[in-house]
Amino acid sequence: MPVLLATHEGRYSILEADLSNGPEPIGVLLEDPARNELHLRLRRDWEDVAGEDAGIFERLEDDLADKSRELGTDRLFAWLEDTLSTTLRVTDREPVLVRDFEWTLNQLYTRHVRSTIAPGRTHVPRWSLQVAAGQFLDNAEVEEVDYEELPANVRRVTADLFAAEIVGTSMEPDIPNGSICLFRKFGAGTRNGKLVLVEELGRGNNDRYTVKRYVSTKRQRPDGTWDHNTIRLEPLNPDHEPWFLNPEEKRYRIVAEFVQVLR
């Protein structure tokens, strides 16, 4: 059963600018009227599209965020409408239903803004695998199918990051069904308590993947070393049941750690 997600009323505008190829969207301004707060996301490829004005555009997101805290959202939009020129303009605000403002902001940004794809700088590969938020999900052969642009809060774009789609409701509300999420390939360190991407091995091109909270207990062997006693994969949605993996079986591999929802 899906988790019931509360919705809120929001309003959004598209920020546009005249760049090297003419007028085009450069970002999204999403207003939370109930809290008088602004959520915004702007392009990051200014060196590619803004030429000698790149430095000005690079400061624009922080400047708008500061201005919204100073004025509030209504006064900010009035100020924008009064002061922006033909080079930089904002569209009329439109209503939108919001379940999470950052998630909705990223959805709107992906829908309306097309920035320069820059792998390793602002973008990471999106793989064709679908990750089950439920039982394991079959996949055809996994391959790179596209790129996902990362929001500004991801400061370092490293080679171990990738994106994948989530299918199912067991990790709601934190990870919505149908969302695109960012993962980091798992290296050293503890897995316990983390949200992880698990692969069931041995099915050729139909290996299966799921995302769950990894919880394990350990036991000490007579020789003083330690091994797993139990491994439990836990959903976040209480309507779904956890299940146990057999520590003796080598069928399962922890592929990556969940980082955040992208959209």
Protein backbone atom coordinates (compact mmCIF):
# COMPACT_ATOMS: atom_id res chain seq x y z
CA MET A 1 0.00 0.00 0.00
CA PRO A 2 1.50 3.39 -0.98
CA VAL A 3 2.29 5.88 1.76
CA LEU A 4 -0.12 8.82 1.65
CA LEU A 5 2.00 11.87 0.86
CA ALA A 6 0.69 15.27 1.90
CA THR A 7 0.63 17.88 -0.84
CA HIS A 8 1.09 21.63 -0.61
CA GLU A 9 0.32 24.48 -2.92
CA GLY A 10 3.28 26.07 -4.63
CA ARG A 11 3.95 28.51 -7.46
CA TYR A 12 6.82 28.46 -9.88
CA SER A 13 8.42 30.65 -12.54
CA ILE A 14 11.07 30.02 -15.14
CA LEU A 15 14.05 32.36 -15.19
CA GLU A 16 15.21 33.08 -18.74
CA ALA A 17 18.25 34.81 -20.17
CA ASP A 18 19.68 35.84 -23.52
CA LEU A 19 22.74 33.65 -23.90
CA SER A 20 25.04 32.91 -26.81
CA ASN A 21 22.30 30.97 -28.66
CA GLY A 22 19.50 33.42 -27.85
CA PRO A 23 16.80 33.39 -25.13
CA GLU A 24 16.58 30.15 -23.14
CA PRO A 25 15.58 28.95 -19.65
CA ILE A 26 18.35 29.11 -17.08
CA GLY A 27 16.58 28.08 -13.89
CA VAL A 28 13.45 27.55 -11.81
CA LEU A 29 12.08 29.64 -8.93
CA LEU A 30 9.65 27.64 -6.76
CA GLU A 31 7.67 29.51 -4.11
CA ASP A 32 6.30 28.02 -0.89
CA PRO A 33 3.51 30.56 -0.16
CA ALA A 34 2.65 29.08 3.23
CA ARG A 35 6.19 29.63 4.54
CA ASN A 36 7.03 32.63 2.34
CA GLU A 37 10.13 30.75 1.17
CA LEU A 38 11.83 30.40 -2.19
CA HIS A 39 13.47 27.27 -3.57
CA LEU A 40 15.61 27.86 -6.62
CA ARG A 41 17.91 25.99 -8.94
CA LEU A 42 19.93 27.51 -11.77
CA ARG A 43 22.17 26.13 -14.48
CA ARG A 44 25.85 25.59 -13.75
CA ASP A 45 27.32 25.56 -17.27
CA TRP A 46 28.02 29.28 -17.42
CA GLU A 47 31.53 28.91 -18.84
CA ASP A 48 30.03 27.15 -21.85
CA VAL A 49 27.10 29.49 -22.56
CA ALA A 50 27.67 32.89 -20.95
CA GLY A 51 31.09 33.87 -22.23
CA GLU A 52 32.59 36.90 -20.49
CA ASP A 53 29.45 37.19 -18.31
CA ALA A 54 29.98 33.75 -16.75
CA GLY A 55 31.16 35.21 -13.45
CA ILE A 56 28.00 37.30 -13.12
CA PHE A 57 25.75 34.29 -13.73
CA GLU A 58 27.76 32.14 -11.31
CA ARG A 59 26.84 34.56 -8.50
CA LEU A 60 23.19 34.86 -9.53
CA GLU A 61 21.79 31.89 -7.58
CA ASP A 62 23.33 33.04 -4.28
CA ASP A 63 22.26 36.63 -4.97
CA LEU A 64 18.65 35.59 -5.56
CA ALA A 65 18.64 33.39 -2.45
CA ASP A 66 19.93 36.31 -0.34
CA LYS A 67 17.38 38.65 -1.85
CA SER A 68 14.51 36.25 -1.14
CA ARG A 69 15.49 36.02 2.53
CA GLU A 70 15.70 39.80 2.70
CA LEU A 71 12.44 40.63 0.91
CA GLY A 72 10.25 37.52 1.09
CA THR A 73 8.87 35.86 -2.02
CA ASP A 74 6.13 38.31 -3.07
CA ARG A 75 8.39 41.34 -2.79
CA LEU A 76 11.18 39.42 -4.53
CA PHE A 77 9.01 38.68 -7.56
CA ALA A 78 7.80 42.29 -7.64
CA TRP A 79 11.45 43.40 -7.52
CA LEU A 80 12.38 40.98 -10.32
CA GLU A 81 9.53 42.16 -12.53
CA ASP A 82 10.54 45.80 -11.96
CA THR A 83 14.29 45.45 -12.35
CA LEU A 84 15.01 42.64 -14.82
CA SER A 85 15.83 43.65 -18.36
CA THR A 86 15.25 42.00 -21.72
CA THR A 87 18.49 40.10 -21.10
CA LEU A 88 17.18 38.46 -17.93
CA ARG A 89 13.47 37.90 -17.26
CA VAL A 90 11.07 35.76 -15.26
CA THR A 91 7.83 34.16 -16.49
CA ASP A 92 4.49 34.56 -14.73
CA ARG A 93 4.07 32.34 -11.68
CA GLU A 94 2.06 29.16 -12.23
CA PRO A 95 0.43 26.93 -9.57
CA VAL A 96 1.84 23.49 -8.83
CA LEU A 97 0.99 20.80 -6.28
CA VAL A 98 4.05 19.91 -4.19
CA ARG A 99 4.74 16.88 -2.02
CA ASP A 100 8.35 17.85 -1.36
CA PHE A 101 9.69 21.23 -2.49
CA GLU A 102 13.21 20.10 -3.36
CA TRP A 103 11.91 17.08 -5.28
CA THR A 104 9.40 19.22 -7.18
CA LEU A 105 12.05 21.85 -7.88
CA ASN A 106 14.29 19.22 -9.45
CA GLN A 107 11.40 17.80 -11.48
CA LEU A 108 10.55 21.26 -12.82
CA TYR A 109 14.20 21.99 -13.57
CA THR A 110 14.57 18.74 -15.55
CA ARG A 111 11.37 19.47 -17.48
CA HIS A 112 12.14 23.08 -18.42
CA VAL A 113 15.94 23.55 -18.44
CA ARG A 114 18.48 21.96 -20.77
CA SER A 115 22.07 22.62 -19.84
CA THR A 116 25.32 21.46 -21.42
CA ILE A 117 26.07 17.81 -20.60
CA ALA A 118 29.43 17.76 -18.85
CA PRO A 119 30.27 14.27 -17.50
CA GLY A 120 32.53 14.42 -14.47
CA ARG A 121 31.84 18.12 -13.95
CA THR A 122 28.10 18.57 -13.51
CA HIS A 123 26.63 15.27 -14.79
CA VAL A 124 26.82 11.57 -13.88
CA PRO A 125 25.78 8.55 -15.97
CA ARG A 126 22.29 7.13 -15.55
CA TRP A 127 22.26 3.37 -15.91
CA SER A 128 19.42 1.35 -17.40
CA LEU A 129 18.94 -0.74 -14.27
CA GLN A 130 15.69 -0.31 -12.39
CA VAL A 131 16.03 -0.72 -8.63
CA ALA A 132 13.19 -2.34 -6.74
CA ALA A 133 11.79 -0.60 -3.69
CA GLY A 134 10.21 -3.93 -2.82
CA GLN A 135 11.40 -7.41 -3.78
CA PHE A 136 14.26 -7.86 -6.22
CA LEU A 137 13.55 -6.58 -9.72
CA ASP A 138 14.69 -8.22 -12.95
CA ASN A 139 16.75 -6.15 -15.39
CA ALA A 140 18.00 -6.71 -18.88
CA GLU A 141 21.69 -6.15 -19.45
CA VAL A 142 22.65 -2.98 -17.60
CA GLU A 143 24.10 -0.19 -19.70
CA GLU A 144 24.63 3.55 -19.62
CA VAL A 145 21.58 5.24 -21.19
CA ASP A 146 21.83 8.94 -20.37
CA TYR A 147 23.26 11.54 -18.00
CA GLU A 148 21.74 13.23 -14.97
CA GLU A 149 22.66 16.75 -13.95
CA LEU A 150 23.47 17.07 -10.27
CA PRO A 151 22.19 19.91 -8.09
CA ALA A 152 24.64 22.40 -6.63
CA ASN A 153 24.61 20.71 -3.19
CA VAL A 154 26.70 17.86 -4.68
CA ARG A 155 30.02 19.66 -4.52
CA ARG A 156 32.28 16.95 -5.97
CA VAL A 157 31.33 14.92 -9.02
CA THR A 158 33.44 11.78 -8.76
CA ALA A 159 33.74 8.68 -10.95
CA ASP A 160 32.01 6.47 -8.35
CA LEU A 161 28.66 8.31 -8.66
CA PHE A 162 25.80 7.13 -10.88
CA ALA A 163 22.03 7.47 -11.14
CA ALA A 164 19.26 4.86 -11.40
CA GLU A 165 15.47 4.67 -11.34
CA ILE A 166 13.52 3.38 -8.32
CA VAL A 167 10.45 1.21 -8.86
CA GLY A 168 8.09 0.40 -5.97
CA THR A 169 6.82 1.92 -2.73
CA SER A 170 8.73 0.18 0.06
CA MET A 171 11.11 3.12 0.56
CA GLU A 172 8.46 5.85 0.54
CA PRO A 173 8.13 8.58 1.56
CA ASP A 174 11.91 9.19 1.52
CA ILE A 175 12.44 7.56 -1.90
CA PRO A 176 9.32 7.97 -4.08
CA ASN A 177 8.23 5.36 -6.59
CA GLY A 178 9.51 6.38 -10.03
CA SER A 179 12.21 8.72 -8.73
CA ILE A 180 15.73 8.98 -10.15
CA CYS A 181 18.30 8.60 -7.38
CA LEU A 182 22.01 9.18 -6.94
CA PHE A 183 24.21 6.32 -5.72
CA ARG A 184 27.89 6.02 -4.82
CA LYS A 185 29.67 2.74 -5.56
CA PHE A 186 30.44 1.03 -2.30
CA GLY A 187 34.03 1.05 -1.09
CA ALA A 188 35.48 0.42 2.34
CA GLY A 189 33.60 1.06 5.59
CA THR A 190 30.57 -0.22 7.41
CA ARG A 191 27.30 -0.87 5.64
CA ASN A 192 25.27 -1.16 8.82
CA GLY A 193 22.35 1.26 8.99
CA LYS A 194 22.90 2.62 5.48
CA LEU A 195 20.53 2.61 2.53
CA VAL A 196 22.24 0.38 -0.01
CA LEU A 197 21.76 -1.00 -3.51
CA VAL A 198 21.88 -4.81 -3.34
CA GLU A 199 22.44 -7.10 -6.31
CA GLU A 200 21.41 -10.76 -6.43
CA LEU A 201 24.07 -12.55 -8.47
CA GLY A 202 23.97 -15.50 -10.77
CA ARG A 203 21.23 -14.67 -13.23
CA GLY A 204 23.39 -13.66 -16.22
CA ASN A 205 21.94 -10.62 -17.95
CA ASN A 206 18.96 -10.68 -15.59
CA ASP A 207 20.68 -9.95 -12.31
CA ARG A 208 18.31 -8.32 -9.87
CA TYR A 209 18.57 -5.19 -7.74
CA THR A 210 16.84 -3.70 -4.72
CA VAL A 211 17.43 -0.78 -2.35
CA LYS A 212 16.93 -1.20 1.40
CA ARG A 213 18.35 -0.25 4.77
CA TYR A 214 21.11 -2.74 5.60
CA VAL A 215 21.10 -3.96 9.22
CA SER A 216 23.42 -6.70 10.42
CA THR A 217 24.56 -8.33 13.64
CA LYS A 218 27.89 -10.09 14.09
CA ARG A 219 29.18 -13.02 16.13
CA GLN A 220 32.68 -13.88 17.26
CA ARG A 221 34.21 -17.12 16.07
CA PRO A 222 36.23 -19.34 18.47
CA ASP A 223 39.44 -18.06 16.85
CA GLY A 224 38.53 -14.46 17.77
CA THR A 225 37.53 -13.30 14.30
CA TRP A 226 34.05 -12.01 13.49
CA ASP A 227 31.43 -12.87 10.89
CA HIS A 228 27.82 -11.93 10.20
CA ASN A 229 25.16 -13.53 12.35
CA THR A 230 22.15 -11.95 10.63
CA ILE A 231 21.66 -9.60 7.68
CA ARG A 232 18.30 -7.86 7.41
CA LEU A 233 17.09 -5.68 4.54
CA GLU A 234 14.59 -3.18 5.91
CA PRO A 235 12.02 -1.04 4.04
CA LEU A 236 11.22 2.49 5.19
CA ASN A 237 7.51 2.10 4.45
CA PRO A 238 5.91 0.28 7.42
CA ASP A 239 3.40 -1.39 5.07
CA HIS A 240 6.26 -3.55 3.72
CA GLU A 241 8.05 -6.36 5.53
CA PRO A 242 11.82 -6.73 5.98
CA TRP A 243 13.52 -9.93 4.93
CA PHE A 244 16.70 -11.73 5.90
CA LEU A 245 19.67 -12.72 3.77
CA ASN A 246 21.64 -15.86 4.53
CA PRO A 247 25.17 -14.71 5.47
CA GLU A 248 26.56 -18.05 4.27
CA GLU A 249 25.31 -17.55 0.73
CA LYS A 250 27.44 -15.65 -1.78
CA ARG A 251 24.45 -14.69 -3.93
CA TYR A 252 24.28 -11.06 -2.81
CA ARG A 253 26.58 -8.10 -3.37
CA ILE A 254 26.36 -4.58 -1.96
CA VAL A 255 26.81 -2.48 -5.09
CA ALA A 256 26.41 1.09 -3.87
CA GLU A 257 25.21 3.41 -1.14
CA PHE A 258 22.18 5.65 -1.66
CA VAL A 259 23.12 9.36 -1.68
CA GLN A 260 19.95 11.32 -2.45
CA VAL A 261 16.85 11.62 -4.61
CA LEU A 262 17.57 13.67 -7.72
CA ARG A 263 14.06 13.94 -9.18
